[in-house]
């Protein structure tokens, strides 16, 4: 009986080990690549640069440019985000509950390339606000609603997206970076 239990516990671990082999090389995103894609974004937007494998799951490296104003509320169910602020300031709300949340279309590029399964809305009750600016880092775990209540000046930041369940498009490369 003990052997059957050991096999039952080990089988899923062995299967997942074969499902994804660990990467054998580093992946670079160079400053020139970042600037090249920022230059294509016009008045703003969110662009994934790459999605690459980790030892477990994968990671997306994205960039975001928002002009002054207010952004909608988002909550990603499976992808954690890390913002590294390059320029601009704004007031970020995190936490609380999305009042008017609606699931995003599962086939949209926002879901398949940027952030995985998510809920969007226009209003949050509760949560914590703080002023964010250049050099700041914000960590937003999966499931935490977040919204730029104000973007005071043109804002640019790196958005690192950890995808432990590999729900984003595997080995994605931004079309502007393909050689």
Foldseek 3Di string as FASTA:
>chain_A
DVVVVVCVVCVVVVVQCVVDPADDDDDDDDPVNQVLVVVVQPQWDKAWAWWADHNFAIKIKIKTKHFKDWDWKKAFAFKKKKKAWAFFKFKKWKAAAADDWDWDPCPDLCQQANGNTMIIHHDGPDTDIDMDGHGDMDIGGGGMMMIGGTGPGITMIMMMMGGRPHRHDYGDHPPSPDD
